[in-house]
Amino acid sequence: MRVKTEPIILDPDPSDAEDFEVSARAMERALRARLIRRTREGLGLSQVEFARRFKVPPGTLRDWEQARATPPDFAMAYVAVIARHPDLVVAALGE
């Protein structure tokens, strides 16, 4: 049986017993989480407010921001548009 492995892009710190290696997929998930959180915070919105305003399920937003789930590419595109034109997105949603 062949085991699927992900490339490790960050090795654990040998001086830190609790540190761990980070895969490319985990790093991508973390970077996406940061972008979403920064976009929301830049608009001065709580998770609940952002979720309600932009029609994103609150649990999904929370999972994305905490890097428990990887947001798909279309969601990242949506967040990029929200970051640049939040009022336009709200208007398009009929709010």
PDB file of N, CA and C in Angstrom:
ATOM      1  N   MET A   1       0.838  -1.185   0.000  1.00  0.00           N
ATOM      2  CA  MET A   1       0.000   0.000   0.000  1.00  0.00           C
ATOM      3  C   MET A   1       0.883   1.248   0.000  1.00  0.00           C
ATOM      4  N   ARG A   2       0.551   2.168  -0.862  1.00  0.00           N
ATOM      5  CA  ARG A   2       1.316   3.401  -0.983  1.00  0.00           C
ATOM      6  C   ARG A   2       0.676   4.497  -0.127  1.00  0.00           C
ATOM      7  N   VAL A   3       1.474   5.175   0.659  1.00  0.00           N
ATOM      8  CA  VAL A   3       0.982   6.241   1.525  1.00  0.00           C
ATOM      9  C   VAL A   3       1.185   7.569   0.814  1.00  0.00           C
ATOM     10  N   LYS A   4       0.119   8.339   0.776  1.00  0.00           N
ATOM     11  CA  LYS A   4       0.187   9.657   0.158  1.00  0.00           C
ATOM     12  C   LYS A   4       0.844  10.630   1.132  1.00  0.00           C
ATOM     13  N   THR A   5       1.842  11.342   0.659  1.00  0.00           N
ATOM     14  CA  THR A   5       2.510  12.308   1.523  1.00  0.00           C
ATOM     15  C   THR A   5       2.468  13.682   0.870  1.00  0.00           C
ATOM     16  N   GLU A   6       2.413  14.701   1.711  1.00  0.00           N
ATOM     17  CA  GLU A   6       2.434  16.073   1.239  1.00  0.00           C
ATOM     18  C   GLU A   6       3.834  16.630   1.427  1.00  0.00           C
ATOM     19  N   PRO A   7       4.252  17.510   0.536  1.00  0.00           N
ATOM     20  CA  PRO A   7       5.565  18.125   0.733  1.00  0.00           C
ATOM     21  C   PRO A   7       5.570  18.976   2.004  1.00  0.00           C
ATOM     22  N   ILE A   8       6.616  18.824   2.774  1.00  0.00           N
ATOM     23  CA  ILE A   8       6.779  19.613   3.993  1.00  0.00           C
ATOM     24  C   ILE A   8       7.568  20.859   3.615  1.00  0.00           C
ATOM     25  N   ILE A   9       7.024  22.022   3.950  1.00  0.00           N
ATOM     26  CA  ILE A   9       7.715  23.254   3.581  1.00  0.00           C
ATOM     27  C   ILE A   9       8.304  23.972   4.790  1.00  0.00           C
ATOM     28  N   LEU A  10       7.937  23.515   5.983  1.00  0.00           N
ATOM     29  CA  LEU A  10       8.493  24.120   7.192  1.00  0.00           C
ATOM     30  C   LEU A  10       8.735  23.003   8.203  1.00  0.00           C
ATOM     31  N   ASP A  11      10.005  22.741   8.465  1.00  0.00           N
ATOM     32  CA  ASP A  11      10.366  21.694   9.416  1.00  0.00           C
ATOM     33  C   ASP A  11      10.121  22.176  10.850  1.00  0.00           C
ATOM     34  N   PRO A  12       9.911  21.234  11.776  1.00  0.00           N
ATOM     35  CA  PRO A  12       9.726  21.636  13.169  1.00  0.00           C
ATOM     36  C   PRO A  12      11.015  22.208  13.748  1.00  0.00           C
ATOM     37  N   ASP A  13      10.854  23.102  14.686  1.00  0.00           N
ATOM     38  CA  ASP A  13      12.000  23.686  15.388  1.00  0.00           C
ATOM     39  C   ASP A  13      12.516  22.637  16.368  1.00  0.00           C
ATOM     40  N   PRO A  14      13.745  22.161  16.207  1.00  0.00           N
ATOM     41  CA  PRO A  14      14.263  21.103  17.093  1.00  0.00           C
ATOM     42  C   PRO A  14      14.378  21.533  18.553  1.00  0.00           C
ATOM     43  N   SER A  15      14.407  22.834  18.813  1.00  0.00           N
ATOM     44  CA  SER A  15      14.513  23.303  20.194  1.00  0.00           C
ATOM     45  C   SER A  15      13.145  23.459  20.868  1.00  0.00           C
ATOM     46  N   ASP A  16      12.071  23.189  20.110  1.00  0.00           N
ATOM     47  CA  ASP A  16      10.701  23.324  20.641  1.00  0.00           C
ATOM     48  C   ASP A  16      10.004  21.975  20.550  1.00  0.00           C
ATOM     49  N   ALA A  17       9.829  21.325  21.687  1.00  0.00           N
ATOM     50  CA  ALA A  17       9.233  19.983  21.720  1.00  0.00           C
ATOM     51  C   ALA A  17       7.785  19.972  21.224  1.00  0.00           C
ATOM     52  N   GLU A  18       7.101  21.100  21.251  1.00  0.00           N
ATOM     53  CA  GLU A  18       5.700  21.150  20.828  1.00  0.00           C
ATOM     54  C   GLU A  18       5.522  21.633  19.395  1.00  0.00           C
ATOM     55  N   ASP A  19       6.598  22.008  18.729  1.00  0.00           N
ATOM     56  CA  ASP A  19       6.509  22.475  17.353  1.00  0.00           C
ATOM     57  C   ASP A  19       6.253  21.288  16.435  1.00  0.00           C
ATOM     58  N   PHE A  20       5.781  21.562  15.236  1.00  0.00           N
ATOM     59  CA  PHE A  20       5.463  20.491  14.292  1.00  0.00           C
ATOM     60  C   PHE A  20       5.783  20.954  12.876  1.00  0.00           C
ATOM     61  N   GLU A  21       5.904  19.978  11.970  1.00  0.00           N
ATOM     62  CA  GLU A  21       6.167  20.299  10.573  1.00  0.00           C
ATOM     63  C   GLU A  21       4.889  20.818   9.915  1.00  0.00           C
ATOM     64  N   VAL A  22       5.063  21.614   8.875  1.00  0.00           N
ATOM     65  CA  VAL A  22       3.919  22.203   8.185  1.00  0.00           C
ATOM     66  C   VAL A  22       3.991  21.819   6.713  1.00  0.00           C
ATOM     67  N   SER A  23       2.880  21.303   6.225  1.00  0.00           N
ATOM     68  CA  SER A  23       2.806  20.918   4.817  1.00  0.00           C
ATOM     69  C   SER A  23       2.433  22.126   3.962  1.00  0.00           C
ATOM     70  N   ALA A  24       2.626  21.984   2.665  1.00  0.00           N
ATOM     71  CA  ALA A  24       2.266  23.050   1.729  1.00  0.00           C
ATOM     72  C   ALA A  24       0.771  23.327   1.806  1.00  0.00           C
ATOM     73  N   ARG A  25      -0.029  22.292   1.931  1.00  0.00           N
ATOM     74  CA  ARG A  25      -1.484  22.464   1.997  1.00  0.00           C
ATOM     75  C   ARG A  25      -1.886  23.223   3.267  1.00  0.00           C
ATOM     76  N   ALA A  26      -1.266  22.895   4.380  1.00  0.00           N
ATOM     77  CA  ALA A  26      -1.579  23.583   5.638  1.00  0.00           C
ATOM     78  C   ALA A  26      -1.170  25.050   5.577  1.00  0.00           C
ATOM     79  N   MET A  27      -0.043  25.342   4.940  1.00  0.00           N
ATOM     80  CA  MET A  27       0.405  26.725   4.816  1.00  0.00           C
ATOM     81  C   MET A  27      -0.565  27.513   3.936  1.00  0.00           C
ATOM     82  N   GLU A  28      -1.011  26.933   2.850  1.00  0.00           N
ATOM     83  CA  GLU A  28      -1.984  27.591   1.969  1.00  0.00           C
ATOM     84  C   GLU A  28      -3.272  27.880   2.727  1.00  0.00           C
ATOM     85  N   ARG A  29      -3.735  26.909   3.488  1.00  0.00           N
ATOM     86  CA  ARG A  29      -4.962  27.084   4.285  1.00  0.00           C
ATOM     87  C   ARG A  29      -4.785  28.227   5.286  1.00  0.00           C
ATOM     88  N   ALA A  30      -3.641  28.296   5.921  1.00  0.00           N
ATOM     89  CA  ALA A  30      -3.375  29.349   6.900  1.00  0.00           C
ATOM     90  C   ALA A  30      -3.326  30.727   6.238  1.00  0.00           C
ATOM     91  N   LEU A  31      -2.713  30.810   5.068  1.00  0.00           N
ATOM     92  CA  LEU A  31      -2.642  32.093   4.367  1.00  0.00           C
ATOM     93  C   LEU A  31      -4.023  32.560   3.920  1.00  0.00           C
ATOM     94  N   ARG A  32      -4.854  31.624   3.464  1.00  0.00           N
ATOM     95  CA  ARG A  32      -6.218  31.979   3.078  1.00  0.00           C
ATOM     96  C   ARG A  32      -7.014  32.437   4.299  1.00  0.00           C
ATOM     97  N   ALA A  33      -6.821  31.760   5.412  1.00  0.00           N
ATOM     98  CA  ALA A  33      -7.520  32.131   6.652  1.00  0.00           C
ATOM     99  C   ALA A  33      -7.146  33.553   7.056  1.00  0.00           C
ATOM    100  N   ARG A  34      -5.881  33.873   6.965  1.00  0.00           N
ATOM    101  CA  ARG A  34      -5.409  35.209   7.336  1.00  0.00           C
ATOM    102  C   ARG A  34      -6.027  36.279   6.434  1.00  0.00           C
ATOM    103  N   LEU A  35      -6.082  36.028   5.132  1.00  0.00           N
ATOM    104  CA  LEU A  35      -6.649  36.997   4.199  1.00  0.00           C
ATOM    105  C   LEU A  35      -8.126  37.255   4.503  1.00  0.00           C
ATOM    106  N   ILE A  36      -8.864  36.204   4.779  1.00  0.00           N
ATOM    107  CA  ILE A  36     -10.289  36.357   5.097  1.00  0.00           C
ATOM    108  C   ILE A  36     -10.463  37.139   6.389  1.00  0.00           C
ATOM    109  N   ARG A  37      -9.713  36.777   7.408  1.00  0.00           N
ATOM    110  CA  ARG A  37      -9.834  37.470   8.701  1.00  0.00           C
ATOM    111  C   ARG A  37      -9.460  38.943   8.564  1.00  0.00           C
ATOM    112  N   ARG A  38      -8.377  39.224   7.852  1.00  0.00           N
ATOM    113  CA  ARG A  38      -7.950  40.616   7.682  1.00  0.00           C
ATOM    114  C   ARG A  38      -8.975  41.424   6.879  1.00  0.00           C
ATOM    115  N   THR A  39      -9.587  40.801   5.912  1.00  0.00           N
ATOM    116  CA  THR A  39     -10.627  41.489   5.137  1.00  0.00           C
ATOM    117  C   THR A  39     -11.792  41.847   6.047  1.00  0.00           C
ATOM    118  N   ARG A  40     -12.239  40.884   6.826  1.00  0.00           N
ATOM    119  CA  ARG A  40     -13.365  41.121   7.745  1.00  0.00           C
ATOM    120  C   ARG A  40     -13.012  42.200   8.758  1.00  0.00           C
ATOM    121  N   GLU A  41     -11.852  42.076   9.373  1.00  0.00           N
ATOM    122  CA  GLU A  41     -11.441  43.059  10.379  1.00  0.00           C
ATOM    123  C   GLU A  41     -11.247  44.444   9.761  1.00  0.00           C
ATOM    124  N   GLY A  42     -10.762  44.486   8.526  1.00  0.00           N
ATOM    125  CA  GLY A  42     -10.580  45.759   7.837  1.00  0.00           C
ATOM    126  C   GLY A  42     -11.895  46.487   7.608  1.00  0.00           C
ATOM    127  N   LEU A  43     -12.964  45.723   7.520  1.00  0.00           N
ATOM    128  CA  LEU A  43     -14.291  46.315   7.359  1.00  0.00           C
ATOM    129  C   LEU A  43     -14.925  46.628   8.715  1.00  0.00           C
ATOM    130  N   GLY A  44     -14.237  46.260   9.795  1.00  0.00           N
ATOM    131  CA  GLY A  44     -14.747  46.533  11.139  1.00  0.00           C
ATOM    132  C   GLY A  44     -15.950  45.687  11.514  1.00  0.00           C
ATOM    133  N   LEU A  45     -16.021  44.473  10.978  1.00  0.00           N
ATOM    134  CA  LEU A  45     -17.170  43.602  11.216  1.00  0.00           C
ATOM    135  C   LEU A  45     -16.800  42.392  12.061  1.00  0.00           C
ATOM    136  N   SER A  46     -17.733  41.971  12.896  1.00  0.00           N
ATOM    137  CA  SER A  46     -17.573  40.705  13.618  1.00  0.00           C
ATOM    138  C   SER A  46     -17.809  39.574  12.616  1.00  0.00           C
ATOM    139  N   GLN A  47     -17.503  38.360  13.025  1.00  0.00           N
ATOM    140  CA  GLN A  47     -17.780  37.219  12.143  1.00  0.00           C
ATOM    141  C   GLN A  47     -19.264  37.135  11.818  1.00  0.00           C
ATOM    142  N   VAL A  48     -20.098  37.331  12.815  1.00  0.00           N
ATOM    143  CA  VAL A  48     -21.553  37.244  12.593  1.00  0.00           C
ATOM    144  C   VAL A  48     -22.016  38.342  11.638  1.00  0.00           C
ATOM    145  N   GLU A  49     -21.528  39.559  11.827  1.00  0.00           N
ATOM    146  CA  GLU A  49     -21.911  40.669  10.951  1.00  0.00           C
ATOM    147  C   GLU A  49     -21.448  40.434   9.515  1.00  0.00           C
ATOM    148  N   PHE A  50     -20.201  40.000   9.349  1.00  0.00           N
ATOM    149  CA  PHE A  50     -19.669  39.720   8.014  1.00  0.00           C
ATOM    150  C   PHE A  50     -20.480  38.617   7.350  1.00  0.00           C
ATOM    151  N   ALA A  51     -20.719  37.554   8.085  1.00  0.00           N
ATOM    152  CA  ALA A  51     -21.468  36.414   7.542  1.00  0.00           C
ATOM    153  C   ALA A  51     -22.860  36.845   7.096  1.00  0.00           C
ATOM    154  N   ARG A  52     -23.524  37.613   7.915  1.00  0.00           N
ATOM    155  CA  ARG A  52     -24.882  38.065   7.586  1.00  0.00           C
ATOM    156  C   ARG A  52     -24.867  38.999   6.368  1.00  0.00           C
ATOM    157  N   ARG A  53     -23.962  39.970   6.385  1.00  0.00           N
ATOM    158  CA  ARG A  53     -23.913  40.969   5.308  1.00  0.00           C
ATOM    159  C   ARG A  53     -23.579  40.362   3.955  1.00  0.00           C
ATOM    160  N   PHE A  54     -22.665  39.377   3.940  1.00  0.00           N
ATOM    161  CA  PHE A  54     -22.189  38.847   2.669  1.00  0.00           C
ATOM    162  C   PHE A  54     -22.690  37.427   2.378  1.00  0.00           C
ATOM    163  N   LYS A  55     -23.703  37.002   3.142  1.00  0.00           N
ATOM    164  CA  LYS A  55     -24.396  35.721   2.881  1.00  0.00           C
ATOM    165  C   LYS A  55     -23.462  34.519   2.909  1.00  0.00           C
ATOM    166  N   VAL A  56     -22.632  34.469   3.936  1.00  0.00           N
ATOM    167  CA  VAL A  56     -21.731  33.331   4.157  1.00  0.00           C
ATOM    168  C   VAL A  56     -22.199  32.651   5.437  1.00  0.00           C
ATOM    169  N   PRO A  57     -22.397  31.347   5.442  1.00  0.00           N
ATOM    170  CA  PRO A  57     -22.790  30.691   6.685  1.00  0.00           C
ATOM    171  C   PRO A  57     -21.765  30.979   7.789  1.00  0.00           C
ATOM    172  N   PRO A  58     -22.222  31.413   8.972  1.00  0.00           N
ATOM    173  CA  PRO A  58     -21.287  31.764  10.054  1.00  0.00           C
ATOM    174  C   PRO A  58     -20.317  30.644  10.413  1.00  0.00           C
ATOM    175  N   GLY A  59     -20.776  29.420  10.441  1.00  0.00           N
ATOM    176  CA  GLY A  59     -19.899  28.292  10.770  1.00  0.00           C
ATOM    177  C   GLY A  59     -18.821  28.081   9.719  1.00  0.00           C
ATOM    178  N   THR A  60     -19.180  28.300   8.477  1.00  0.00           N
ATOM    179  CA  THR A  60     -18.207  28.178   7.382  1.00  0.00           C
ATOM    180  C   THR A  60     -17.147  29.260   7.505  1.00  0.00           C
ATOM    181  N   LEU A  61     -17.580  30.498   7.746  1.00  0.00           N
ATOM    182  CA  LEU A  61     -16.636  31.603   7.916  1.00  0.00           C
ATOM    183  C   LEU A  61     -15.686  31.320   9.084  1.00  0.00           C
ATOM    184  N   ARG A  62     -16.227  30.857  10.189  1.00  0.00           N
ATOM    185  CA  ARG A  62     -15.418  30.544  11.376  1.00  0.00           C
ATOM    186  C   ARG A  62     -14.389  29.449  11.040  1.00  0.00           C
ATOM    187  N   ASP A  63     -14.834  28.401  10.354  1.00  0.00           N
ATOM    188  CA  ASP A  63     -13.912  27.319   9.976  1.00  0.00           C
ATOM    189  C   ASP A  63     -12.811  27.821   9.048  1.00  0.00           C
ATOM    190  N   TRP A  64     -13.161  28.692   8.122  1.00  0.00           N
ATOM    191  CA  TRP A  64     -12.152  29.249   7.218  1.00  0.00           C
ATOM    192  C   TRP A  64     -11.148  30.090   7.992  1.00  0.00           C
ATOM    193  N   GLU A  65     -11.650  30.977   8.854  1.00  0.00           N
ATOM    194  CA  GLU A  65     -10.752  31.874   9.595  1.00  0.00           C
ATOM    195  C   GLU A  65      -9.863  31.128  10.580  1.00  0.00           C
ATOM    196  N   GLN A  66     -10.331  30.022  11.099  1.00  0.00           N
ATOM    197  CA  GLN A  66      -9.532  29.243  12.046  1.00  0.00           C
ATOM    198  C   GLN A  66      -8.733  28.151  11.344  1.00  0.00           C
ATOM    199  N   ALA A  67      -8.742  28.186  10.015  1.00  0.00           N
ATOM    200  CA  ALA A  67      -7.991  27.241   9.176  1.00  0.00           C
ATOM    201  C   ALA A  67      -8.365  25.786   9.445  1.00  0.00           C
ATOM    202  N   ARG A  68      -9.612  25.566   9.841  1.00  0.00           N
ATOM    203  CA  ARG A  68     -10.098  24.190  10.000  1.00  0.00           C
ATOM    204  C   ARG A  68     -10.545  23.626   8.668  1.00  0.00           C
ATOM    205  N   ALA A  69     -10.884  24.509   7.742  1.00  0.00           N
ATOM    206  CA  ALA A  69     -11.298  24.106   6.398  1.00  0.00           C
ATOM    207  C   ALA A  69     -10.632  25.056   5.409  1.00  0.00           C
ATOM    208  N   THR A  70     -10.367  24.554   4.221  1.00  0.00           N
ATOM    209  CA  THR A  70      -9.743  25.381   3.182  1.00  0.00           C
ATOM    210  C   THR A  70     -10.830  26.006   2.323  1.00  0.00           C
ATOM    211  N   PRO A  71     -10.885  27.342   2.281  1.00  0.00           N
ATOM    212  CA  PRO A  71     -11.879  27.976   1.416  1.00  0.00           C
ATOM    213  C   PRO A  71     -11.551  27.699  -0.050  1.00  0.00           C
ATOM    214  N   PRO A  72     -12.570  27.363  -0.843  1.00  0.00           N
ATOM    215  CA  PRO A  72     -12.316  27.107  -2.263  1.00  0.00           C
ATOM    216  C   PRO A  72     -11.932  28.395  -2.994  1.00  0.00           C
ATOM    217  N   ASP A  73     -11.396  28.231  -4.190  1.00  0.00           N
ATOM    218  CA  ASP A  73     -10.942  29.377  -4.975  1.00  0.00           C
ATOM    219  C   ASP A  73     -12.052  30.402  -5.211  1.00  0.00           C
ATOM    220  N   PHE A  74     -13.270  29.945  -5.481  1.00  0.00           N
ATOM    221  CA  PHE A  74     -14.346  30.904  -5.733  1.00  0.00           C
ATOM    222  C   PHE A  74     -14.619  31.748  -4.496  1.00  0.00           C
ATOM    223  N   ALA A  75     -14.481  31.170  -3.312  1.00  0.00           N
ATOM    224  CA  ALA A  75     -14.701  31.928  -2.073  1.00  0.00           C
ATOM    225  C   ALA A  75     -13.602  32.969  -1.898  1.00  0.00           C
ATOM    226  N   MET A  76     -12.386  32.624  -2.261  1.00  0.00           N
ATOM    227  CA  MET A  76     -11.293  33.581  -2.157  1.00  0.00           C
ATOM    228  C   MET A  76     -11.499  34.732  -3.138  1.00  0.00           C
ATOM    229  N   ALA A  77     -12.024  34.434  -4.328  1.00  0.00           N
ATOM    230  CA  ALA A  77     -12.326  35.489  -5.291  1.00  0.00           C
ATOM    231  C   ALA A  77     -13.417  36.404  -4.732  1.00  0.00           C
ATOM    232  N   TYR A  78     -14.430  35.813  -4.110  1.00  0.00           N
ATOM    233  CA  TYR A  78     -15.524  36.584  -3.508  1.00  0.00           C
ATOM    234  C   TYR A  78     -14.979  37.502  -2.410  1.00  0.00           C
ATOM    235  N   VAL A  79     -14.105  36.992  -1.572  1.00  0.00           N
ATOM    236  CA  VAL A  79     -13.509  37.800  -0.498  1.00  0.00           C
ATOM    237  C   VAL A  79     -12.678  38.938  -1.099  1.00  0.00           C
ATOM    238  N   ALA A  80     -11.969  38.676  -2.185  1.00  0.00           N
ATOM    239  CA  ALA A  80     -11.176  39.727  -2.831  1.00  0.00           C
ATOM    240  C   ALA A  80     -12.079  40.846  -3.349  1.00  0.00           C
ATOM    241  N   VAL A  81     -13.219  40.489  -3.910  1.00  0.00           N
ATOM    242  CA  VAL A  81     -14.166  41.506  -4.392  1.00  0.00           C
ATOM    243  C   VAL A  81     -14.752  42.263  -3.208  1.00  0.00           C
ATOM    244  N   ILE A  82     -15.102  41.558  -2.148  1.00  0.00           N
ATOM    245  CA  ILE A  82     -15.620  42.212  -0.938  1.00  0.00           C
ATOM    246  C   ILE A  82     -14.599  43.215  -0.408  1.00  0.00           C
ATOM    247  N   ALA A  83     -13.332  42.835  -0.376  1.00  0.00           N
ATOM    248  CA  ALA A  83     -12.281  43.713   0.148  1.00  0.00           C
ATOM    249  C   ALA A  83     -12.189  45.011  -0.650  1.00  0.00           C
ATOM    250  N   ARG A  84     -12.390  44.913  -1.954  1.00  0.00           N
ATOM    251  CA  ARG A  84     -12.249  46.092  -2.818  1.00  0.00           C
ATOM    252  C   ARG A  84     -13.542  46.897  -2.961  1.00  0.00           C
ATOM    253  N   HIS A  85     -14.682  46.203  -2.957  1.00  0.00           N
ATOM    254  CA  HIS A  85     -15.960  46.867  -3.232  1.00  0.00           C
ATOM    255  C   HIS A  85     -17.083  46.354  -2.330  1.00  0.00           C
ATOM    256  N   PRO A  86     -16.947  46.509  -1.018  1.00  0.00           N
ATOM    257  CA  PRO A  86     -17.967  45.933  -0.129  1.00  0.00           C
ATOM    258  C   PRO A  86     -19.373  46.476  -0.378  1.00  0.00           C
ATOM    259  N   ASP A  87     -19.499  47.765  -0.653  1.00  0.00           N
ATOM    260  CA  ASP A  87     -20.830  48.337  -0.888  1.00  0.00           C
ATOM    261  C   ASP A  87     -21.460  47.798  -2.170  1.00  0.00           C
ATOM    262  N   LEU A  88     -20.651  47.589  -3.183  1.00  0.00           N
ATOM    263  CA  LEU A  88     -21.148  47.032  -4.444  1.00  0.00           C
ATOM    264  C   LEU A  88     -21.669  45.609  -4.222  1.00  0.00           C
ATOM    265  N   VAL A  89     -20.953  44.826  -3.433  1.00  0.00           N
ATOM    266  CA  VAL A  89     -21.378  43.453  -3.150  1.00  0.00           C
ATOM    267  C   VAL A  89     -22.695  43.462  -2.385  1.00  0.00           C
ATOM    268  N   VAL A  90     -22.802  44.329  -1.377  1.00  0.00           N
ATOM    269  CA  VAL A  90     -24.039  44.429  -0.610  1.00  0.00           C
ATOM    270  C   VAL A  90     -25.199  44.822  -1.529  1.00  0.00           C
ATOM    271  N   ALA A  91     -24.958  45.779  -2.415  1.00  0.00           N
ATOM    272  CA  ALA A  91     -26.009  46.214  -3.354  1.00  0.00           C
ATOM    273  C   ALA A  91     -26.403  45.067  -4.288  1.00  0.00           C
ATOM    274  N   ALA A  92     -25.418  44.322  -4.764  1.00  0.00           N
ATOM    275  CA  ALA A  92     -25.706  43.192  -5.652  1.00  0.00           C
ATOM    276  C   ALA A  92     -26.504  42.106  -4.954  1.00  0.00           C
ATOM    277  N   LEU A  93     -26.309  41.989  -3.648  1.00  0.00           N
ATOM    278  CA  LEU A  93     -27.056  40.982  -2.877  1.00  0.00           C
ATOM    279  C   LEU A  93     -28.463  41.461  -2.535  1.00  0.00           C
ATOM    280  N   GLY A  94     -28.753  42.708  -2.869  1.00  0.00           N
ATOM    281  CA  GLY A  94     -30.101  43.232  -2.624  1.00  0.00           C
ATOM    282  C   GLY A  94     -30.318  43.705  -1.214  1.00  0.00           C
ATOM    283  N   GLU A  95     -29.247  44.063  -0.525  1.00  0.00           N
ATOM    284  CA  GLU A  95     -29.381  44.518   0.870  1.00  0.00           C
ATOM    285  C   GLU A  95     -29.586  46.006   0.905  1.00  0.00           C
TER     286      GLU A  95
END
